[in-house]
Amino acid sequence: MTETSMNLNVHEIGILLTALQQLDGRDEYLIAREYGSVSVLYHKLHTIWEQMDQSETGIRNDVVPSF
């Protein structure tokens, strides 16, 4: 299998977008060599994220960070 579909909520896509922004040049280069352009993936996810309801994306007091 080379492709799959999955449901991600606005929070999960936000995490992925933030992680992609944190990559340094070397990591981005290594990922590009193995899997493809990070910026293409970022823009694809960001386009989807912009269309989602982001009204509840702030951290709520009842949420405990997982780290």
Protein backbone atom coordinates (compact mmCIF):
# COMPACT_ATOMS: atom_id res chain seq x y z
CA MET A 1 0.00 0.00 0.00
CA THR A 2 1.40 3.41 -0.94
CA GLU A 3 -1.48 5.69 0.00
CA THR A 4 -4.08 5.85 2.73
CA SER A 5 -6.74 8.24 3.97
CA MET A 6 -7.24 9.30 7.56
CA ASN A 7 -9.27 11.84 9.43
CA LEU A 8 -7.32 14.54 11.26
CA ASN A 9 -8.87 17.29 13.32
CA VAL A 10 -7.80 20.94 13.29
CA HIS A 11 -5.56 20.41 16.34
CA GLU A 12 -3.70 17.48 14.77
CA ILE A 13 -3.10 19.34 11.52
CA GLY A 14 -1.91 22.33 13.55
CA ILE A 15 0.64 20.10 15.29
CA LEU A 16 1.93 18.82 11.95
CA LEU A 17 2.17 22.35 10.53
CA THR A 18 4.08 23.55 13.58
CA ALA A 19 6.45 20.58 13.42
CA LEU A 20 7.13 21.20 9.73
CA GLN A 21 7.93 24.86 10.50
CA GLN A 22 10.48 23.79 13.14
CA LEU A 23 12.62 21.73 10.76
CA ASP A 24 16.07 23.09 10.07
CA GLY A 25 17.58 23.16 6.59
CA ARG A 26 19.49 19.91 7.03
CA ASP A 27 16.41 17.98 8.19
CA GLU A 28 14.36 19.45 5.37
CA TYR A 29 17.01 18.34 2.87
CA LEU A 30 17.14 14.79 4.28
CA ILE A 31 13.35 14.48 4.24
CA ALA A 32 13.19 15.82 0.68
CA ARG A 33 15.71 13.23 -0.49
CA GLU A 34 13.73 10.38 0.99
CA TYR A 35 10.09 11.49 0.72
CA GLY A 36 9.67 14.73 -1.20
CA SER A 37 9.33 18.43 -0.58
CA VAL A 38 8.46 19.55 2.93
CA SER A 39 7.14 22.88 1.64
CA VAL A 40 4.70 21.14 -0.73
CA LEU A 41 3.34 19.07 2.15
CA TYR A 42 3.17 22.15 4.39
CA HIS A 43 1.18 24.13 1.81
CA LYS A 44 -1.16 21.20 1.17
CA LEU A 45 -1.88 20.81 4.89
CA HIS A 46 -2.14 24.56 5.43
CA THR A 47 -4.73 24.88 2.66
CA ILE A 48 -6.84 22.20 4.35
CA TRP A 49 -6.29 23.76 7.80
CA GLU A 50 -7.46 27.18 6.56
CA GLN A 51 -10.79 25.66 5.50
CA MET A 52 -11.41 24.08 8.91
CA ASP A 53 -13.18 25.57 11.94
CA GLN A 54 -10.34 27.05 13.98
CA SER A 55 -12.52 28.67 16.65
CA GLU A 56 -11.47 26.08 19.25
CA THR A 57 -7.73 25.84 18.55
CA GLY A 58 -6.56 27.59 21.73
CA ILE A 59 -5.29 25.55 24.65
CA ARG A 60 -8.06 24.94 27.14
CA ASN A 61 -7.43 24.88 30.90
CA ASP A 62 -8.56 21.26 31.18
CA VAL A 63 -5.90 20.03 28.75
CA VAL A 64 -2.63 18.73 30.14
CA PRO A 65 0.39 18.75 27.78
CA SER A 66 1.62 15.28 26.89
CA PHE A 67 5.32 15.97 27.44
